Amino acid sequence: MSYLGDFAFGSTFDTKFTTVNTSGAPTTLAGSPIVSAYVGDSTEQITAGITLTVDFDGVTGLHNVRMVITEANGYAQTANYQLVLTAGTVGGTSVVGYVVAEFSIGARV
């Protein structure tokens, strides 16, 4: 997991992450996976404006998350967010709860 940066409303950005099996080999993210955004310590999951592409560019285990940061999608200014897998499996094992990345919106200005 990594901190991606501080973004402004209207921004669109992409980040990538890898999933591996118990042997460490890149493995497809399966089971109708979902990436959700959590703001701070809130338990509310935001999925609007998030697009997950599994096995990006045909590369097994490499996934792309595209974020569209708008108020209409539920994002707020001066907030910190964590992107978390809230559904999905790798090699038949649940990966729910894995943190993919963190970012902020206007919080580091």
C-alpha atoms as a PDB file:
ATOM      1  CA  MET A   1       0.000   0.000   0.000  1.00  0.00           C
ATOM      2  CA  SER A   2       1.223   3.485  -0.741  1.00  0.00           C
ATOM      3  CA  TYR A   3       0.206   7.113  -0.409  1.00  0.00           C
ATOM      4  CA  LEU A   4      -0.672   8.367  -3.894  1.00  0.00           C
ATOM      5  CA  GLY A   5      -0.823  12.099  -3.243  1.00  0.00           C
ATOM      6  CA  ASP A   6      -3.131  15.006  -2.603  1.00  0.00           C
ATOM      7  CA  PHE A   7      -5.661  15.560  -5.382  1.00  0.00           C
ATOM      8  CA  ALA A   8      -8.154  18.293  -6.289  1.00  0.00           C
ATOM      9  CA  PHE A   9     -11.837  17.975  -7.149  1.00  0.00           C
ATOM     10  CA  GLY A  10     -12.326  17.106 -10.779  1.00  0.00           C
ATOM     11  CA  SER A  11      -9.146  15.022 -10.856  1.00  0.00           C
ATOM     12  CA  THR A  12      -8.987  11.581 -12.395  1.00  0.00           C
ATOM     13  CA  PHE A  13      -6.096   9.323 -11.529  1.00  0.00           C
ATOM     14  CA  ASP A  14      -5.073   5.695 -11.908  1.00  0.00           C
ATOM     15  CA  THR A  15      -3.153   3.414  -9.586  1.00  0.00           C
ATOM     16  CA  LYS A  16      -2.132  -0.190  -9.936  1.00  0.00           C
ATOM     17  CA  PHE A  17      -1.746  -3.049  -7.473  1.00  0.00           C
ATOM     18  CA  THR A  18      -0.851  -6.730  -7.655  1.00  0.00           C
ATOM     19  CA  THR A  19      -2.459  -9.800  -6.137  1.00  0.00           C
ATOM     20  CA  VAL A  20      -0.497 -13.006  -5.526  1.00  0.00           C
ATOM     21  CA  ASN A  21      -1.293 -16.517  -4.357  1.00  0.00           C
ATOM     22  CA  THR A  22       0.220 -18.169  -1.284  1.00  0.00           C
ATOM     23  CA  SER A  23       3.316 -19.071  -3.324  1.00  0.00           C
ATOM     24  CA  GLY A  24       3.817 -15.438  -4.331  1.00  0.00           C
ATOM     25  CA  ALA A  25       2.849 -15.913  -7.968  1.00  0.00           C
ATOM     26  CA  PRO A  26       0.688 -13.169  -9.542  1.00  0.00           C
ATOM     27  CA  THR A  27      -2.922 -14.374  -9.461  1.00  0.00           C
ATOM     28  CA  THR A  28      -6.199 -13.065 -10.867  1.00  0.00           C
ATOM     29  CA  LEU A  29      -8.524 -11.184  -8.531  1.00  0.00           C
ATOM     30  CA  ALA A  30     -11.827 -13.094  -8.741  1.00  0.00           C
ATOM     31  CA  GLY A  31     -15.227 -13.383  -7.052  1.00  0.00           C
ATOM     32  CA  SER A  32     -16.787 -10.109  -8.309  1.00  0.00           C
ATOM     33  CA  PRO A  33     -14.119  -7.883  -6.709  1.00  0.00           C
ATOM     34  CA  ILE A  34     -14.910  -4.375  -5.488  1.00  0.00           C
ATOM     35  CA  VAL A  35     -12.630  -1.542  -4.412  1.00  0.00           C
ATOM     36  CA  SER A  36     -14.276   0.935  -2.033  1.00  0.00           C
ATOM     37  CA  ALA A  37     -13.038   4.228  -0.599  1.00  0.00           C
ATOM     38  CA  TYR A  38     -13.224   4.937   3.126  1.00  0.00           C
ATOM     39  CA  VAL A  39     -12.838   8.478   4.414  1.00  0.00           C
ATOM     40  CA  GLY A  40     -10.837   8.776   7.625  1.00  0.00           C
ATOM     41  CA  ASP A  41     -12.295   6.523  10.313  1.00  0.00           C
ATOM     42  CA  SER A  42     -15.783   6.396   8.779  1.00  0.00           C
ATOM     43  CA  THR A  43     -17.377   3.015   8.077  1.00  0.00           C
ATOM     44  CA  GLU A  44     -19.185   4.393   5.003  1.00  0.00           C
ATOM     45  CA  GLN A  45     -17.959   2.782   1.788  1.00  0.00           C
ATOM     46  CA  ILE A  46     -17.896   4.928  -1.355  1.00  0.00           C
ATOM     47  CA  THR A  47     -17.875   3.061  -4.665  1.00  0.00           C
ATOM     48  CA  ALA A  48     -18.991   5.872  -6.991  1.00  0.00           C
ATOM     49  CA  GLY A  49     -16.271   7.076  -9.326  1.00  0.00           C
ATOM     50  CA  ILE A  50     -14.156   3.946  -8.830  1.00  0.00           C
ATOM     51  CA  THR A  51     -13.479   1.601 -11.743  1.00  0.00           C
ATOM     52  CA  LEU A  52     -11.505  -1.593 -11.159  1.00  0.00           C
ATOM     53  CA  THR A  53      -9.899  -3.343 -14.134  1.00  0.00           C
ATOM     54  CA  VAL A  54      -8.774  -6.864 -13.242  1.00  0.00           C
ATOM     55  CA  ASP A  55      -5.716  -8.328 -15.012  1.00  0.00           C
ATOM     56  CA  PHE A  56      -4.948  -4.940 -16.579  1.00  0.00           C
ATOM     57  CA  ASP A  57      -3.497  -5.123 -20.101  1.00  0.00           C
ATOM     58  CA  GLY A  58      -3.825  -8.912 -19.966  1.00  0.00           C
ATOM     59  CA  VAL A  59      -1.233  -9.170 -17.182  1.00  0.00           C
ATOM     60  CA  THR A  60      -2.320 -11.769 -14.622  1.00  0.00           C
ATOM     61  CA  GLY A  61      -2.477 -10.313 -11.130  1.00  0.00           C
ATOM     62  CA  LEU A  62      -1.975  -6.672 -12.202  1.00  0.00           C
ATOM     63  CA  HIS A  63      -5.031  -4.515 -11.557  1.00  0.00           C
ATOM     64  CA  ASN A  64      -5.871  -0.883 -12.276  1.00  0.00           C
ATOM     65  CA  VAL A  65      -8.070   1.388 -10.163  1.00  0.00           C
ATOM     66  CA  ARG A  66      -9.332   4.556 -11.833  1.00  0.00           C
ATOM     67  CA  MET A  67     -10.645   7.273  -9.504  1.00  0.00           C
ATOM     68  CA  VAL A  68     -12.884  10.157 -10.586  1.00  0.00           C
ATOM     69  CA  ILE A  69     -12.902  12.620  -7.706  1.00  0.00           C
ATOM     70  CA  THR A  70     -16.043  14.730  -7.661  1.00  0.00           C
ATOM     71  CA  GLU A  71     -18.420  15.925  -4.984  1.00  0.00           C
ATOM     72  CA  ALA A  72     -21.232  14.210  -6.925  1.00  0.00           C
ATOM     73  CA  ASN A  73     -19.407  10.883  -6.396  1.00  0.00           C
ATOM     74  CA  GLY A  74     -19.399  11.487  -2.619  1.00  0.00           C
ATOM     75  CA  TYR A  75     -15.896  12.812  -2.031  1.00  0.00           C
ATOM     76  CA  ALA A  76     -15.143  15.730   0.297  1.00  0.00           C
ATOM     77  CA  GLN A  77     -12.464  18.414   0.417  1.00  0.00           C
ATOM     78  CA  THR A  78      -9.704  18.225   3.077  1.00  0.00           C
ATOM     79  CA  ALA A  79     -10.204  14.510   3.659  1.00  0.00           C
ATOM     80  CA  ASN A  80      -7.999  11.415   3.693  1.00  0.00           C
ATOM     81  CA  TYR A  81      -9.143   8.236   1.925  1.00  0.00           C
ATOM     82  CA  GLN A  82      -8.140   4.581   1.878  1.00  0.00           C
ATOM     83  CA  LEU A  83      -8.914   2.317  -1.095  1.00  0.00           C
ATOM     84  CA  VAL A  84      -9.843  -1.114   0.246  1.00  0.00           C
ATOM     85  CA  LEU A  85     -10.905  -4.401  -1.339  1.00  0.00           C
ATOM     86  CA  THR A  86     -14.435  -4.958  -0.018  1.00  0.00           C
ATOM     87  CA  ALA A  87     -15.157  -8.050  -2.131  1.00  0.00           C
ATOM     88  CA  GLY A  88     -12.997 -10.539  -3.988  1.00  0.00           C
ATOM     89  CA  THR A  89     -10.843 -13.617  -3.755  1.00  0.00           C
ATOM     90  CA  VAL A  90      -7.381 -14.660  -4.848  1.00  0.00           C
ATOM     91  CA  GLY A  91      -6.835 -18.367  -5.390  1.00  0.00           C
ATOM     92  CA  GLY A  92     -10.108 -19.048  -3.579  1.00  0.00           C
ATOM     93  CA  THR A  93      -9.096 -17.056  -0.480  1.00  0.00           C
ATOM     94  CA  SER A  94     -10.934 -13.868   0.509  1.00  0.00           C
ATOM     95  CA  VAL A  95      -8.934 -10.654   0.202  1.00  0.00           C
ATOM     96  CA  VAL A  96     -11.647  -8.474   1.779  1.00  0.00           C
ATOM     97  CA  GLY A  97     -10.024  -5.813   3.934  1.00  0.00           C
ATOM     98  CA  TYR A  98      -6.773  -5.480   2.016  1.00  0.00           C
ATOM     99  CA  VAL A  99      -5.792  -1.822   1.680  1.00  0.00           C
ATOM    100  CA  VAL A 100      -4.765  -1.004  -1.896  1.00  0.00           C
ATOM    101  CA  ALA A 101      -3.697   2.644  -1.549  1.00  0.00           C
ATOM    102  CA  GLU A 102      -4.298   5.930   0.268  1.00  0.00           C
ATOM    103  CA  PHE A 103      -4.830   9.462  -1.028  1.00  0.00           C
ATOM    104  CA  SER A 104      -6.191  12.803   0.090  1.00  0.00           C
ATOM    105  CA  ILE A 105      -8.252  15.592  -1.423  1.00  0.00           C
ATOM    106  CA  GLY A 106      -7.031  19.096  -0.682  1.00  0.00           C
ATOM    107  CA  ALA A 107      -5.720  18.036   2.732  1.00  0.00           C
ATOM    108  CA  ARG A 108      -2.042  18.836   2.234  1.00  0.00           C
ATOM    109  CA  VAL A 109      -2.366  22.378   0.933  1.00  0.00           C
END
